[in-house]
N, C-alpha and C. Protein backbone atom coordinates (compact mmCIF):
# COMPACT_ATOMS: atom_id res chain seq x y z
N LYS A 1 -44.98 0.45 -32.24
CA LYS A 1 -45.61 -0.78 -32.74
C LYS A 1 -46.61 -0.94 -33.89
N ILE A 2 -47.37 0.06 -33.29
CA ILE A 2 -48.91 0.57 -34.17
C ILE A 2 -48.73 1.18 -35.47
N VAL A 3 -47.98 1.95 -35.36
CA VAL A 3 -47.10 2.92 -36.48
C VAL A 3 -47.10 1.62 -37.81
N LEU A 4 -45.84 1.07 -36.91
CA LEU A 4 -45.53 -0.26 -37.94
C LEU A 4 -46.33 -1.31 -38.39
N VAL A 5 -47.53 -1.28 -37.80
CA VAL A 5 -48.37 -2.01 -38.31
C VAL A 5 -49.16 -1.64 -39.34
N LEU A 6 -49.91 0.00 -39.11
CA LEU A 6 -50.77 0.52 -39.98
C LEU A 6 -49.88 0.65 -41.35
N LEU A 7 -48.32 1.14 -41.39
CA LEU A 7 -47.45 1.25 -42.37
C LEU A 7 -47.05 -0.24 -43.35
N LEU A 8 -47.82 -1.39 -42.59
CA LEU A 8 -47.70 -2.74 -42.86
C LEU A 8 -49.09 -2.42 -43.81
N LEU A 9 -49.40 -2.71 -43.17
CA LEU A 9 -50.98 -2.42 -43.35
C LEU A 9 -51.41 -1.76 -44.96
N VAL A 10 -51.24 -0.68 -44.92
CA VAL A 10 -51.08 0.36 -45.79
C VAL A 10 -50.38 0.11 -47.37
N GLY A 11 -48.84 -0.83 -46.84
CA GLY A 11 -47.92 -1.32 -48.12
C GLY A 11 -48.63 -1.86 -48.77
N THR A 12 -49.67 -3.13 -47.57
CA THR A 12 -49.67 -4.63 -48.62
C THR A 12 -50.94 -3.90 -49.42
N VAL A 13 -51.61 -2.84 -49.38
CA VAL A 13 -52.45 -2.42 -50.17
C VAL A 13 -52.09 -1.26 -51.73
N TYR A 14 -50.89 -1.13 -51.72
CA TYR A 14 -50.19 -0.16 -52.47
C TYR A 14 -48.88 -0.29 -53.25
N TYR A 15 -48.15 -1.27 -51.86
CA TYR A 15 -46.55 -1.62 -52.24
C TYR A 15 -46.91 -3.15 -51.92
N GLN A 16 -47.45 -4.08 -52.42
CA GLN A 16 -47.27 -4.79 -52.00
C GLN A 16 -46.09 -6.02 -52.78
N ASP A 17 -45.57 -5.62 -53.53
CA ASP A 17 -44.26 -6.24 -53.87
C ASP A 17 -43.25 -6.05 -52.89
N LEU A 18 -42.94 -4.65 -52.66
CA LEU A 18 -41.90 -4.26 -52.10
C LEU A 18 -42.86 -4.53 -50.07
N ILE A 19 -43.05 -4.84 -49.84
CA ILE A 19 -43.86 -4.72 -48.95
C ILE A 19 -43.66 -6.56 -48.07
N ALA A 20 -44.01 -7.19 -49.42
CA ALA A 20 -43.28 -8.66 -49.21
C ALA A 20 -42.04 -8.94 -49.36
N LYS A 21 -40.82 -8.33 -50.03
CA LYS A 21 -39.68 -8.52 -50.02
C LYS A 21 -39.01 -8.06 -48.57
N LEU A 22 -40.13 -6.94 -47.77
CA LEU A 22 -38.98 -6.87 -46.51
C LEU A 22 -39.35 -7.60 -45.16
N ILE A 23 -40.16 -8.82 -45.69
CA ILE A 23 -40.44 -9.62 -44.39
C ILE A 23 -38.93 -10.30 -43.72
N PRO A 24 -37.90 -10.77 -45.20
CA PRO A 24 -36.90 -11.36 -44.48
C PRO A 24 -36.00 -9.95 -44.04
N VAL A 25 -36.21 -8.97 -44.26
CA VAL A 25 -35.64 -7.60 -43.53
C VAL A 25 -35.77 -8.10 -42.38
N ILE A 26 -37.20 -7.75 -41.90
CA ILE A 26 -37.65 -8.00 -40.68
C ILE A 26 -37.31 -9.22 -39.89
N ILE A 27 -37.20 -9.93 -40.45
CA ILE A 27 -37.02 -11.28 -39.55
C ILE A 27 -35.22 -11.15 -39.30
N GLN A 28 -34.77 -11.02 -40.48
CA GLN A 28 -32.83 -10.52 -40.09
C GLN A 28 -32.98 -9.76 -39.03
N LEU A 29 -33.35 -8.45 -38.99
CA LEU A 29 -33.53 -7.42 -38.08
C LEU A 29 -33.60 -7.48 -36.56
N ASN A 30 -34.72 -8.43 -36.65
CA ASN A 30 -35.25 -9.22 -35.31
C ASN A 30 -34.19 -10.02 -34.70
N LEU A 31 -33.59 -11.04 -35.33
CA LEU A 31 -32.47 -11.49 -34.90
C LEU A 31 -31.71 -10.56 -34.58
N MET A 32 -31.19 -9.92 -35.38
CA MET A 32 -29.78 -8.98 -35.34
C MET A 32 -30.18 -8.26 -33.34
N LEU A 33 -31.05 -7.60 -33.36
CA LEU A 33 -31.99 -7.35 -32.23
C LEU A 33 -31.61 -8.34 -31.07
N PHE A 34 -32.45 -9.22 -30.86
CA PHE A 34 -31.95 -10.10 -29.85
C PHE A 34 -30.87 -11.08 -29.59
N PHE A 35 -30.24 -10.87 -30.79
CA PHE A 35 -28.57 -11.43 -30.51
C PHE A 35 -27.78 -10.15 -29.57
N GLY A 36 -27.57 -8.76 -30.63
CA GLY A 36 -27.01 -7.86 -29.95
C GLY A 36 -27.81 -6.98 -28.87
N LYS A 37 -28.78 -7.25 -28.40
CA LYS A 37 -29.37 -7.21 -27.12
C LYS A 37 -28.78 -7.19 -25.95
N THR A 38 -28.07 -8.74 -25.95
CA THR A 38 -27.74 -9.41 -25.08
C THR A 38 -25.97 -9.06 -25.07
N LEU A 39 -25.79 -7.92 -25.97
CA LEU A 39 -24.47 -7.77 -25.54
C LEU A 39 -24.00 -6.36 -24.93
N LEU A 40 -24.99 -5.97 -24.90
CA LEU A 40 -25.75 -4.20 -23.95
C LEU A 40 -25.14 -4.89 -22.65
N SER A 41 -24.29 -3.57 -21.90
CA SER A 41 -24.04 -3.62 -20.85
C SER A 41 -25.15 -3.46 -19.98
N GLY A 42 -25.24 -4.72 -18.76
CA GLY A 42 -26.09 -4.73 -17.94
C GLY A 42 -27.08 -5.57 -18.30
N LYS A 43 -27.02 -6.20 -19.43
CA LYS A 43 -28.22 -7.00 -19.87
C LYS A 43 -28.21 -8.99 -19.64
N GLY A 44 -27.08 -8.61 -18.93
CA GLY A 44 -26.58 -10.18 -18.53
C GLY A 44 -25.65 -10.63 -19.58
N PRO A 45 -25.53 -11.84 -19.53
CA PRO A 45 -24.47 -12.60 -20.16
C PRO A 45 -24.95 -12.69 -21.42
N SER A 46 -24.10 -12.63 -22.73
CA SER A 46 -24.41 -12.94 -23.86
C SER A 46 -25.26 -13.92 -23.93
N LEU A 47 -26.17 -13.95 -25.91
CA LEU A 47 -27.04 -15.17 -25.57
C LEU A 47 -26.63 -16.38 -26.10
N ILE A 48 -25.48 -16.70 -26.19
CA ILE A 48 -24.49 -18.04 -26.13
C ILE A 48 -23.96 -18.46 -25.34
N GLU A 49 -23.63 -17.47 -24.50
CA GLU A 49 -23.17 -17.75 -23.24
C GLU A 49 -24.83 -18.50 -22.66
N ARG A 50 -25.63 -17.67 -22.50
CA ARG A 50 -26.81 -17.98 -21.65
C ARG A 50 -26.87 -19.83 -22.53
N PHE A 51 -26.84 -19.96 -23.26
CA PHE A 51 -26.64 -21.43 -23.68
C PHE A 51 -26.18 -22.51 -23.62
N ALA A 52 -24.53 -21.93 -23.07
CA ALA A 52 -23.24 -22.40 -22.98
C ALA A 52 -23.68 -22.79 -21.51
N GLN A 53 -24.19 -22.25 -20.82
CA GLN A 53 -24.52 -22.18 -19.22
C GLN A 53 -25.28 -23.77 -19.34
N LEU A 54 -25.95 -24.15 -20.17
CA LEU A 54 -27.26 -24.98 -19.69
C LEU A 54 -26.13 -26.23 -19.65
N ASP A 55 -24.62 -26.11 -20.57
CA ASP A 55 -23.62 -27.09 -20.74
C ASP A 55 -22.61 -27.12 -19.30
N PHE A 56 -21.93 -25.92 -18.93
CA PHE A 56 -21.53 -25.63 -18.30
C PHE A 56 -21.94 -24.20 -16.60
N PRO A 57 -22.61 -24.97 -15.63
CA PRO A 57 -22.82 -24.01 -14.72
C PRO A 57 -22.19 -23.04 -14.30
N GLN A 58 -20.87 -23.37 -14.13
CA GLN A 58 -19.62 -22.43 -14.18
C GLN A 58 -18.67 -22.34 -15.35
N ILE A 59 -18.84 -21.51 -15.55
CA ILE A 59 -18.48 -20.99 -17.40
C ILE A 59 -16.77 -20.52 -16.85
N PRO A 60 -16.12 -20.78 -17.14
CA PRO A 60 -14.44 -20.02 -17.30
C PRO A 60 -14.41 -18.93 -18.12
N PRO A 61 -14.17 -17.76 -17.59
CA PRO A 61 -13.57 -16.49 -18.46
C PRO A 61 -13.59 -16.63 -19.81
N LEU A 62 -13.00 -17.57 -20.35
CA LEU A 62 -12.06 -17.91 -21.33
C LEU A 62 -13.38 -18.09 -22.16
N LEU A 63 -14.19 -19.41 -21.70
CA LEU A 63 -15.59 -19.83 -22.63
C LEU A 63 -16.64 -18.21 -22.62
N SER A 64 -16.38 -17.57 -21.50
CA SER A 64 -17.48 -16.38 -21.75
C SER A 64 -16.96 -16.21 -22.40
N GLN A 65 -15.91 -15.08 -22.91
CA GLN A 65 -15.71 -14.22 -24.21
C GLN A 65 -15.57 -14.93 -25.21
N TYR A 66 -15.27 -16.05 -25.20
CA TYR A 66 -15.85 -16.75 -26.83
C TYR A 66 -16.94 -16.75 -26.68
N CYS A 67 -17.93 -16.84 -26.30
CA CYS A 67 -19.57 -16.98 -26.03
C CYS A 67 -19.65 -15.17 -26.77
N ARG A 68 -19.38 -14.51 -25.69
CA ARG A 68 -19.65 -13.15 -26.55
C ARG A 68 -19.26 -12.87 -27.66
N TYR A 69 -17.91 -13.03 -27.94
CA TYR A 69 -17.31 -12.95 -29.43
C TYR A 69 -18.39 -13.26 -30.19
N LEU A 70 -18.62 -14.80 -30.02
CA LEU A 70 -19.43 -15.31 -30.96
C LEU A 70 -20.91 -15.02 -31.26
N THR A 71 -21.56 -14.12 -30.04
CA THR A 71 -22.48 -13.46 -30.21
C THR A 71 -23.00 -12.70 -30.71
N PHE A 72 -21.62 -11.94 -30.92
CA PHE A 72 -21.20 -10.44 -31.94
C PHE A 72 -21.58 -10.90 -32.91
N ILE A 73 -20.53 -11.94 -33.25
CA ILE A 73 -20.35 -12.31 -35.32
C ILE A 73 -21.39 -12.72 -35.54
N TRP A 74 -22.89 -13.32 -34.42
CA TRP A 74 -24.12 -13.48 -34.79
C TRP A 74 -25.12 -12.57 -35.50
N THR A 75 -24.43 -11.43 -34.77
CA THR A 75 -25.32 -9.86 -34.48
C THR A 75 -24.76 -9.10 -35.91
N ILE A 76 -23.61 -9.14 -36.35
CA ILE A 76 -22.77 -8.78 -37.39
C ILE A 76 -23.46 -9.87 -38.54
N PHE A 77 -23.63 -10.85 -38.46
CA PHE A 77 -24.13 -11.60 -39.73
C PHE A 77 -25.55 -11.53 -39.76
N PHE A 78 -26.30 -10.78 -38.95
CA PHE A 78 -27.95 -11.10 -39.78
C PHE A 78 -27.55 -9.47 -39.73
N ALA A 79 -27.05 -8.64 -39.42
CA ALA A 79 -26.87 -7.31 -39.60
C ALA A 79 -26.38 -7.13 -41.44
N ILE A 80 -25.87 -7.82 -41.82
CA ILE A 80 -25.54 -7.74 -42.97
C ILE A 80 -26.41 -8.25 -44.16
N ASN A 81 -26.93 -9.62 -43.67
CA ASN A 81 -27.81 -9.92 -44.42
C ASN A 81 -29.12 -8.76 -44.31
N SER A 82 -29.39 -8.03 -43.40
CA SER A 82 -30.42 -7.35 -43.50
C SER A 82 -30.22 -6.28 -44.49
N LEU A 83 -29.19 -5.68 -44.41
CA LEU A 83 -28.88 -5.03 -45.63
C LEU A 83 -28.70 -5.38 -46.94
N THR A 84 -28.23 -6.25 -47.28
CA THR A 84 -28.08 -7.00 -48.43
C THR A 84 -29.64 -7.38 -49.31
N CYS A 85 -30.52 -7.96 -47.77
CA CYS A 85 -31.69 -8.08 -47.90
C CYS A 85 -32.72 -6.39 -48.68
N ILE A 86 -32.14 -5.39 -47.99
CA ILE A 86 -32.89 -4.06 -47.99
C ILE A 86 -32.18 -4.08 -49.78
N LEU A 87 -30.87 -4.19 -50.14
CA LEU A 87 -30.30 -3.83 -51.26
C LEU A 87 -30.77 -4.57 -52.57
N LEU A 88 -31.20 -5.21 -52.47
CA LEU A 88 -32.03 -6.15 -53.16
C LEU A 88 -33.06 -6.50 -53.47
N ALA A 89 -33.75 -6.08 -52.61
CA ALA A 89 -35.45 -6.22 -52.39
C ALA A 89 -35.76 -4.54 -53.32
N LEU A 90 -34.44 -3.61 -53.32
CA LEU A 90 -34.93 -1.87 -53.69
C LEU A 90 -33.93 -1.96 -55.21
N TYR A 91 -33.28 -2.49 -55.19
CA TYR A 91 -31.89 -2.41 -56.61
C TYR A 91 -31.98 -3.90 -57.62
N ALA A 92 -32.36 -4.89 -56.93
CA ALA A 92 -31.79 -6.33 -57.96
C ALA A 92 -33.27 -6.49 -58.44
N PRO A 93 -33.14 -7.17 -59.81
CA PRO A 93 -33.86 -8.20 -60.20
C PRO A 93 -34.71 -9.13 -59.07
N VAL A 94 -35.66 -9.27 -59.25
CA VAL A 94 -36.81 -10.18 -58.08
C VAL A 94 -35.96 -11.60 -57.77
N GLU A 95 -35.35 -12.13 -59.27
CA GLU A 95 -34.82 -13.39 -58.77
C GLU A 95 -33.41 -13.26 -57.82
N TRP A 96 -32.77 -12.85 -58.08
CA TRP A 96 -31.71 -12.29 -57.11
C TRP A 96 -32.14 -12.08 -55.51
N TRP A 97 -33.52 -11.45 -55.70
CA TRP A 97 -33.78 -11.47 -54.21
C TRP A 97 -34.47 -12.78 -53.46
N MET A 98 -34.96 -13.37 -54.75
CA MET A 98 -35.34 -14.53 -54.27
C MET A 98 -34.28 -15.67 -53.67
N LEU A 99 -32.96 -15.88 -54.67
CA LEU A 99 -32.24 -16.60 -54.70
C LEU A 99 -31.31 -16.38 -53.38
N TYR A 100 -31.31 -14.64 -53.07
CA TYR A 100 -30.75 -14.66 -51.68
C TYR A 100 -31.61 -15.31 -50.51
N THR A 101 -32.48 -14.50 -50.65
CA THR A 101 -33.63 -15.15 -49.16
C THR A 101 -34.07 -16.06 -49.38
N GLY A 102 -33.91 -16.67 -50.08
CA GLY A 102 -34.59 -18.95 -49.83
C GLY A 102 -33.63 -19.92 -50.40
N VAL A 103 -32.28 -19.20 -50.68
CA VAL A 103 -31.32 -20.51 -50.57
C VAL A 103 -29.88 -19.62 -50.03
N ILE A 104 -29.47 -18.96 -50.29
CA ILE A 104 -28.04 -18.23 -50.10
C ILE A 104 -28.12 -17.95 -48.42
N ILE A 105 -29.51 -17.41 -47.67
CA ILE A 105 -29.18 -16.85 -46.35
C ILE A 105 -28.89 -18.84 -45.36
N LEU A 106 -30.09 -19.31 -46.13
CA LEU A 106 -29.50 -20.54 -45.35
C LEU A 106 -28.56 -21.36 -45.52
N MET A 107 -27.71 -21.59 -46.82
CA MET A 107 -26.46 -21.97 -46.80
C MET A 107 -25.82 -21.15 -45.96
N LEU A 108 -25.73 -19.82 -45.98
CA LEU A 108 -24.71 -19.00 -45.15
C LEU A 108 -24.88 -18.98 -43.69
N THR A 109 -26.03 -19.53 -43.13
CA THR A 109 -26.17 -20.04 -42.07
C THR A 109 -25.70 -21.00 -41.04
N GLY A 110 -25.86 -21.95 -42.53
CA GLY A 110 -25.52 -23.32 -42.21
C GLY A 110 -23.77 -23.40 -41.92
N LEU A 111 -23.08 -22.62 -43.20
CA LEU A 111 -21.68 -22.41 -43.16
C LEU A 111 -21.07 -22.19 -41.96
N LEU A 112 -22.12 -21.08 -41.45
CA LEU A 112 -21.50 -20.78 -40.45
C LEU A 112 -21.19 -21.12 -39.05
N ILE A 113 -22.48 -22.04 -38.90
CA ILE A 113 -22.66 -23.30 -37.97
C ILE A 113 -21.84 -23.99 -37.86
N VAL A 114 -21.27 -24.80 -39.14
CA VAL A 114 -20.36 -25.76 -39.45
C VAL A 114 -19.37 -25.42 -38.87
N VAL A 115 -18.41 -24.31 -39.76
CA VAL A 115 -17.67 -23.56 -39.37
C VAL A 115 -17.36 -23.14 -37.80
N GLU A 116 -18.20 -22.31 -37.23
CA GLU A 116 -17.86 -22.33 -36.09
C GLU A 116 -17.72 -23.42 -35.08
N TYR A 117 -18.44 -24.94 -35.75
CA TYR A 117 -18.76 -26.26 -34.40
C TYR A 117 -16.70 -26.82 -34.80
N ILE A 118 -16.32 -26.43 -35.87
CA ILE A 118 -14.96 -27.28 -36.00
C ILE A 118 -14.23 -26.00 -35.89
N TRP A 119 -14.15 -24.80 -35.68
CA TRP A 119 -13.44 -23.76 -34.87
C TRP A 119 -13.29 -24.15 -33.38
N ARG A 120 -14.89 -24.39 -32.68
CA ARG A 120 -15.03 -24.61 -31.31
C ARG A 120 -13.55 -26.42 -30.96
N HIS A 121 -14.04 -26.52 -32.02
CA HIS A 121 -13.26 -27.81 -31.40
C HIS A 121 -11.74 -27.92 -31.17
N PHE A 122 -11.41 -26.74 -32.07
CA PHE A 122 -9.54 -26.20 -32.20
C PHE A 122 -9.42 -25.30 -30.99
N TYR A 123 -10.33 -24.55 -30.63
CA TYR A 123 -10.33 -23.40 -29.89
C TYR A 123 -10.63 -24.44 -28.20
N PHE A 124 -11.28 -25.06 -28.37
CA PHE A 124 -11.42 -25.34 -26.97
C PHE A 124 -10.52 -26.41 -26.36
N ARG A 125 -9.97 -26.88 -27.37
CA ARG A 125 -8.30 -27.95 -27.51
C ARG A 125 -7.46 -26.72 -26.10
N THR A 126 -7.71 -25.34 -26.82
CA THR A 126 -6.68 -24.41 -25.92
C THR A 126 -6.77 -24.08 -24.71
N MET A 127 -7.97 -24.76 -24.38
CA MET A 127 -8.55 -24.38 -22.50
C MET A 127 -8.57 -25.49 -21.89
N SER A 128 -8.48 -25.51 -20.48
CA SER A 128 -8.24 -26.78 -19.89
C SER A 128 -9.57 -27.12 -19.60
N LEU A 129 -10.82 -27.38 -20.48
CA LEU A 129 -11.71 -27.83 -20.07
C LEU A 129 -11.35 -29.44 -20.07
N PRO A 130 -12.00 -30.22 -19.09
CA PRO A 130 -11.75 -32.05 -19.25
C PRO A 130 -12.66 -32.25 -20.23
N GLU A 131 -12.30 -32.79 -21.22
CA GLU A 131 -13.05 -33.65 -22.36
C GLU A 131 -14.40 -34.41 -22.29
N LYS A 132 -14.52 -34.77 -20.89
CA LYS A 132 -15.86 -35.18 -20.77
C LYS A 132 -16.83 -34.24 -20.19
N LEU A 133 -16.13 -33.11 -20.15
CA LEU A 133 -17.18 -31.82 -19.53
C LEU A 133 -17.90 -31.46 -20.71
N ILE A 134 -17.16 -31.20 -22.49
CA ILE A 134 -17.95 -30.93 -23.25
C ILE A 134 -19.16 -31.75 -24.19
N PRO A 135 -19.91 -31.48 -24.27
CA PRO A 135 -21.06 -32.20 -24.91
C PRO A 135 -21.32 -32.39 -26.32
N ASN A 136 -21.62 -33.60 -26.34
CA ASN A 136 -21.62 -33.70 -27.99
C ASN A 136 -23.03 -32.75 -29.01
N VAL A 137 -22.82 -32.51 -29.71
CA VAL A 137 -23.78 -31.80 -30.78
C VAL A 137 -25.32 -32.33 -30.48
N LYS A 138 -25.27 -33.27 -30.21
CA LYS A 138 -27.19 -34.47 -29.73
C LYS A 138 -26.93 -33.39 -28.51
N GLU A 139 -26.35 -33.64 -27.37
CA GLU A 139 -26.86 -33.22 -26.01
C GLU A 139 -26.87 -31.72 -26.33
N SER A 140 -26.31 -30.90 -27.05
CA SER A 140 -26.53 -29.73 -27.12
C SER A 140 -27.89 -29.33 -27.28
N ILE A 141 -27.94 -29.72 -28.78
CA ILE A 141 -29.12 -29.37 -29.33
C ILE A 141 -30.22 -29.81 -28.38
N LYS A 142 -30.36 -31.00 -27.65
CA LYS A 142 -31.81 -31.54 -26.76
C LYS A 142 -31.66 -30.28 -25.57
N SER A 143 -30.45 -29.94 -25.07
CA SER A 143 -30.64 -29.16 -24.16
C SER A 143 -31.37 -27.64 -24.93
N MET A 144 -30.98 -27.33 -26.00
CA MET A 144 -30.99 -26.23 -26.33
C MET A 144 -32.53 -26.04 -26.47
N ALA A 145 -32.83 -27.11 -27.20
CA ALA A 145 -34.73 -27.03 -27.53
C ALA A 145 -35.77 -27.04 -25.77
N ILE A 146 -35.41 -27.96 -25.58
CA ILE A 146 -35.99 -28.08 -23.79
C ILE A 146 -35.29 -26.75 -23.12
N ASN A 147 -34.32 -25.96 -23.44
CA ASN A 147 -34.64 -24.66 -22.67
C ASN A 147 -34.92 -23.24 -23.39
N CYS A 148 -35.19 -23.85 -24.53
CA CYS A 148 -34.95 -22.51 -25.32
C CYS A 148 -35.89 -21.29 -25.35
N ARG A 149 -37.11 -21.83 -24.47
CA ARG A 149 -38.43 -21.13 -24.36
C ARG A 149 -38.02 -19.75 -22.73
N LYS A 150 -37.26 -21.06 -21.82
CA LYS A 150 -36.19 -20.01 -21.17
C LYS A 150 -35.54 -18.85 -21.58
N ILE A 151 -34.94 -19.33 -22.49
CA ILE A 151 -33.39 -18.65 -22.23
C ILE A 151 -34.19 -16.74 -23.46
N TRP A 152 -35.18 -17.48 -24.17
CA TRP A 152 -35.87 -16.52 -24.70
C TRP A 152 -36.48 -15.58 -23.35
N GLU A 153 -37.29 -15.98 -22.92
CA GLU A 153 -38.48 -15.27 -21.53
C GLU A 153 -36.90 -14.46 -20.94
N ASP A 154 -36.32 -15.28 -20.66
CA ASP A 154 -35.05 -14.20 -19.86
C ASP A 154 -34.49 -13.41 -20.84
N VAL A 155 -33.77 -13.63 -21.95
CA VAL A 155 -33.56 -12.13 -22.93
C VAL A 155 -34.63 -11.40 -22.84
N ASN A 156 -35.98 -11.47 -22.81
CA ASN A 156 -36.88 -10.44 -23.08
C ASN A 156 -36.72 -9.66 -22.09
N ALA A 157 -36.63 -10.36 -20.87
CA ALA A 157 -37.06 -9.62 -19.35
C ALA A 157 -35.70 -9.00 -19.22
N SER A 158 -34.34 -9.14 -19.82
CA SER A 158 -33.36 -8.15 -19.55
C SER A 158 -33.73 -6.63 -20.18
């Protein structure tokens, strides 16, 4: 960590433009590592399963597999964003980099959330979950906001 801090400090003096462009890369890589870390053997349930456990204390195996697969998709999503940010920072005009990191990443993230939410409703119909057990969006967001810090600490401790 100290080496990274030193490199960033030196970079802010000599390579200001490049260092500024690396900030989205660092953010995307950290998200990729945070999600991906929970997929490793012996690290407990996947990140999304930890959130699902807030609504389902006893998660059915099929739902557990779905959460694991979804965590994998988010990990790949952040990896692709990292690579795209690096390539744009090094080889593209600054306008393209700004458009991607300032607008397109947010749009893609929102699109992935919406598509997954729609897909989930079709997929959950194939499972034997009682309708009353499936929380609505508002309840899920409230539960995530209340328990986010606990899950953050849990993932970092594993």
